[in-house]
Amino acid sequence: MPKKTTILVADDEPKILMFVRANLEARGYDVQTARDGLEAVEMAGQTPPDVVVLDVNMPRMDGIEACRRIREWGNMPIIILSVRGDEKDKVRALDEGADDYITKPFGLEELLARIRVALRHSTGQVSAAPSLKSGDLEIDFANRAVKRRGEVLKLTKTEYELLAYLASNSGKVLTHRQILHNVWGPEYGEESEYVRVFIRQLRGKVEDDPSSPRYILTEPRVGYRFAGS
């Protein structure tokens, strides 16, 4: 019997936990619940889930700090829930390692769609080419591994998906909307801050000098381009 997909949901509001759990379980997911950030971190460390959903405002440890703690060792997709929808709040969550951000109140279908996107990042797509080598950077598409000067880089699943999409279209200028549609999914198109944050994170890992990138180049007012050798 195939293993069920496990989703860890953390929120200090019991009614939201019950609602989300009931609806996810009805769709075949195995759901774990936590009522604060510290409990979520402990549970994720004991039995790593496939996706983590964290509310921001929780006792003992908030969702942003919990996200940061989990990201120290885990690369599973993390979705943040918050009543605050300002761009700066989204950017802060993404900077701390979140893959996605949902503003409360949210609809069930929106949450389900975001979870499906997160799971696509987990399973990934295999590129037609088995690997790509450019300078000191090597991308093994078949094994979803990235090396720089022979050393394996620790990328989150979303960071890898973004790099793989850029690299598999080496030399092409890709718009923000194209990147959002192909990396996050067709439901996305206006969240340009997602692209900016993850590009910055990737450059910090793959570039010698992120301020003067060699691989991931900015095309002003358009998007980005991977400069392959």
Protein backbone atom coordinates (compact mmCIF):
# COMPACT_ATOMS: atom_id res chain seq x y z
CA MET A 1 0.00 0.00 0.00
CA PRO A 2 1.57 3.35 -1.01
CA LYS A 3 2.54 5.74 1.77
CA LYS A 4 0.16 8.65 2.26
CA THR A 5 1.38 12.19 1.78
CA THR A 6 1.91 13.75 5.22
CA ILE A 7 1.09 17.39 5.94
CA LEU A 8 1.96 19.10 9.22
CA VAL A 9 -0.40 21.99 10.04
CA ALA A 10 0.37 24.36 12.93
CA ASP A 11 -2.15 26.93 14.16
CA ASP A 12 -3.21 28.03 17.64
CA GLU A 13 -6.87 28.29 16.64
CA PRO A 14 -8.51 24.88 17.30
CA LYS A 15 -11.39 25.50 14.88
CA ILE A 16 -9.01 26.20 12.00
CA LEU A 17 -6.98 23.09 12.82
CA MET A 18 -10.13 20.95 12.90
CA PHE A 19 -11.41 22.43 9.64
CA VAL A 20 -8.14 22.02 7.77
CA ARG A 21 -7.46 18.55 9.16
CA ALA A 22 -10.93 17.24 8.31
CA ASN A 23 -10.79 18.51 4.75
CA LEU A 24 -7.26 17.33 4.05
CA GLU A 25 -7.94 13.89 5.50
CA ALA A 26 -11.09 13.67 3.37
CA ARG A 27 -8.82 14.06 0.35
CA GLY A 28 -6.50 11.27 1.38
CA TYR A 29 -3.72 13.18 3.18
CA ASP A 30 -2.20 12.06 6.47
CA VAL A 31 -2.41 15.17 8.68
CA GLN A 32 -0.39 16.04 11.79
CA THR A 33 -1.36 19.09 13.86
CA ALA A 34 0.50 21.36 16.26
CA ARG A 35 -0.81 24.28 18.34
CA ASP A 36 2.36 26.36 18.49
CA GLY A 37 5.61 26.85 16.62
CA LEU A 38 7.81 24.97 19.07
CA GLU A 39 5.60 21.88 18.89
CA ALA A 40 5.65 22.11 15.09
CA VAL A 41 9.46 22.20 15.02
CA GLU A 42 9.68 19.21 17.36
CA MET A 43 7.15 17.19 15.36
CA ALA A 44 8.82 18.01 12.04
CA GLY A 45 12.16 16.87 13.46
CA GLN A 46 10.77 13.58 14.76
CA THR A 47 8.84 12.59 11.63
CA PRO A 48 9.57 14.91 8.69
CA PRO A 49 6.35 15.63 6.76
CA ASP A 50 6.05 16.18 3.02
CA VAL A 51 4.65 19.71 3.47
CA VAL A 52 4.51 22.08 6.45
CA VAL A 53 1.78 24.72 6.91
CA LEU A 54 2.57 27.31 9.62
CA ASP A 55 0.43 30.12 11.01
CA VAL A 56 2.48 33.21 11.84
CA ASN A 57 0.92 34.24 15.16
CA MET A 58 1.39 31.32 17.57
CA PRO A 59 2.48 31.11 21.23
CA ARG A 60 5.92 29.98 22.44
CA MET A 61 7.37 30.33 18.93
CA ASP A 62 5.83 32.15 15.97
CA GLY A 63 5.53 30.66 12.51
CA ILE A 64 8.39 32.65 11.01
CA GLU A 65 10.85 31.47 13.66
CA ALA A 66 9.52 27.91 13.33
CA CYS A 67 10.07 28.14 9.58
CA ARG A 68 13.64 29.33 10.12
CA ARG A 69 14.35 26.49 12.58
CA ILE A 70 12.95 23.82 10.28
CA ARG A 71 14.84 25.23 7.33
CA GLU A 72 18.14 24.76 9.18
CA TRP A 73 17.92 21.04 8.42
CA GLY A 74 14.83 20.37 6.29
CA ASN A 75 14.10 21.16 2.65
CA MET A 76 10.42 20.19 2.54
CA PRO A 77 8.05 22.91 1.22
CA ILE A 78 6.77 25.33 3.87
CA ILE A 79 3.59 27.40 3.49
CA ILE A 80 3.00 30.39 5.78
CA LEU A 81 -0.48 31.54 6.88
CA SER A 82 -0.96 35.12 8.08
CA VAL A 83 -3.62 37.77 8.51
CA ARG A 84 -1.05 40.29 7.22
CA GLY A 85 -0.77 40.57 3.46
CA ASP A 86 1.80 43.35 3.04
CA GLU A 87 4.64 42.70 0.62
CA LYS A 88 7.24 43.25 3.35
CA ASP A 89 5.63 40.52 5.47
CA LYS A 90 5.67 38.12 2.54
CA VAL A 91 9.29 38.94 1.74
CA ARG A 92 10.28 38.38 5.39
CA ALA A 93 8.63 34.95 5.38
CA LEU A 94 10.26 33.99 2.09
CA ASP A 95 13.64 35.24 3.34
CA GLU A 96 13.36 32.91 6.33
CA GLY A 97 12.80 29.91 4.09
CA ALA A 98 9.07 29.78 3.28
CA ASP A 99 8.04 28.61 -0.18
CA ASP A 100 4.60 30.18 -0.22
CA TYR A 101 2.38 32.62 1.71
CA ILE A 102 -1.40 32.63 2.13
CA THR A 103 -3.30 35.55 3.62
CA LYS A 104 -6.13 34.83 6.05
CA PRO A 105 -9.00 34.41 5.64
CA PHE A 106 -8.34 31.86 2.92
CA GLY A 107 -10.58 29.50 0.98
CA LEU A 108 -10.16 25.75 1.14
CA GLU A 109 -9.60 25.49 -2.61
CA GLU A 110 -6.80 28.04 -2.41
CA LEU A 111 -5.07 26.08 0.34
CA LEU A 112 -5.47 22.83 -1.60
CA ALA A 113 -4.03 24.44 -4.72
CA ARG A 114 -1.01 25.76 -2.80
CA ILE A 115 -0.42 22.31 -1.28
CA ARG A 116 -0.54 20.74 -4.76
CA VAL A 117 2.09 23.26 -5.91
CA ALA A 118 4.24 22.42 -2.89
CA LEU A 119 3.98 18.72 -3.65
CA ARG A 120 4.99 19.33 -7.26
CA HIS A 121 8.18 20.87 -5.89
CA SER A 122 8.71 17.73 -3.82
CA THR A 123 8.35 15.30 -6.70
CA GLY A 124 9.80 17.60 -9.36
CA GLN A 125 10.12 17.19 -13.09
CA VAL A 126 13.08 15.51 -14.78
CA SER A 127 14.68 17.62 -17.47
CA ALA A 128 15.10 16.20 -20.95
CA ALA A 129 18.87 16.64 -20.52
CA PRO A 130 20.42 14.48 -17.75
CA SER A 131 22.78 17.22 -16.58
CA LEU A 132 24.19 20.64 -17.33
CA LYS A 133 27.67 21.97 -16.59
CA SER A 134 28.48 25.66 -16.72
CA GLY A 135 31.78 26.88 -15.31
CA ASP A 136 32.07 25.68 -11.71
CA LEU A 137 28.36 24.83 -11.55
CA GLU A 138 26.94 21.38 -12.34
CA ILE A 139 23.23 20.50 -12.28
CA ASP A 140 22.26 16.81 -12.21
CA PHE A 141 18.62 16.91 -13.31
CA ALA A 142 18.09 13.18 -12.96
CA ASN A 143 19.07 13.20 -9.28
CA ARG A 144 17.98 16.78 -8.53
CA ALA A 145 21.46 17.64 -7.26
CA VAL A 146 23.53 20.79 -7.74
CA LYS A 147 27.30 21.03 -7.24
CA ARG A 148 29.62 24.01 -7.17
CA ARG A 149 33.31 23.18 -7.55
CA GLY A 150 32.38 19.57 -6.80
CA GLU A 151 30.63 20.39 -3.53
CA VAL A 152 26.93 19.57 -3.23
CA LEU A 153 24.84 22.67 -2.53
CA LYS A 154 21.99 22.60 -0.04
CA LEU A 155 18.99 23.98 -1.91
CA THR A 156 15.36 23.99 -0.87
CA LYS A 157 12.99 22.24 -3.24
CA THR A 158 11.71 25.56 -4.59
CA GLU A 159 15.23 26.91 -5.03
CA TYR A 160 16.11 23.81 -7.03
CA GLU A 161 12.97 24.08 -9.18
CA LEU A 162 13.77 27.71 -9.97
CA LEU A 163 17.40 26.99 -10.86
CA ALA A 164 16.44 23.96 -12.94
CA TYR A 165 13.86 25.98 -14.89
CA LEU A 166 16.31 28.79 -15.58
CA ALA A 167 19.12 26.40 -16.52
CA SER A 168 16.96 24.21 -18.75
CA ASN A 169 16.16 27.40 -20.69
CA SER A 170 19.80 28.55 -20.72
CA GLY A 171 20.30 31.73 -22.71
CA LYS A 172 16.59 32.58 -22.87
CA VAL A 173 15.09 35.62 -21.19
CA LEU A 174 12.30 34.48 -18.88
CA THR A 175 9.73 36.94 -17.58
CA HIS A 176 8.55 37.08 -13.98
CA ARG A 177 5.19 35.70 -15.06
CA GLN A 178 6.76 32.80 -16.99
CA ILE A 179 8.87 31.91 -13.98
CA LEU A 180 5.91 32.05 -11.60
CA HIS A 181 3.73 29.94 -13.91
CA ASN A 182 6.38 27.28 -14.45
CA VAL A 183 7.94 27.08 -10.99
CA TRP A 184 5.02 27.85 -8.68
CA GLY A 185 2.14 26.97 -10.99
CA PRO A 186 -0.53 28.46 -13.27
CA GLU A 187 -2.34 29.90 -10.24
CA TYR A 188 0.49 32.40 -9.83
CA GLY A 189 1.34 35.45 -11.91
CA GLU A 190 1.43 38.61 -9.81
CA GLU A 191 3.69 37.52 -6.94
CA SER A 192 6.87 39.06 -8.37
CA GLU A 193 8.32 39.37 -4.86
CA TYR A 194 8.54 35.55 -4.77
CA VAL A 195 10.86 35.58 -7.78
CA ARG A 196 13.03 38.40 -6.43
CA VAL A 197 13.53 36.73 -3.06
CA PHE A 198 14.36 33.30 -4.46
CA ILE A 199 16.69 34.71 -7.11
CA ARG A 200 18.57 36.51 -4.33
CA GLN A 201 18.75 33.30 -2.29
CA LEU A 202 19.99 31.28 -5.27
CA ARG A 203 22.66 33.82 -6.13
CA GLY A 204 23.92 33.62 -2.57
CA LYS A 205 24.50 29.91 -3.06
CA VAL A 206 25.67 29.51 -6.68
CA GLU A 207 27.52 32.77 -7.39
CA ASP A 208 31.04 33.76 -6.30
CA ASP A 209 29.85 37.36 -6.05
CA PRO A 210 26.04 37.63 -5.80
CA SER A 211 26.24 41.36 -6.48
CA SER A 212 27.93 40.66 -9.82
CA PRO A 213 26.37 37.37 -10.92
CA ARG A 214 27.88 35.11 -13.53
CA TYR A 215 25.08 32.59 -13.97
CA ILE A 216 21.74 34.19 -13.06
CA LEU A 217 21.51 37.50 -14.87
CA THR A 218 18.86 40.21 -14.50
CA GLU A 219 17.15 41.52 -17.61
CA PRO A 220 15.92 44.94 -16.40
CA ARG A 221 12.12 45.37 -16.37
CA VAL A 222 11.70 41.93 -17.98
CA GLY A 223 12.98 39.03 -15.87
CA TYR A 224 16.04 36.81 -15.67
CA ARG A 225 18.33 34.71 -17.84
CA PHE A 226 20.67 31.81 -17.06
CA ALA A 227 24.02 32.43 -18.76
CA GLY A 228 25.36 28.99 -19.60
CA SER A 229 28.83 28.39 -20.94
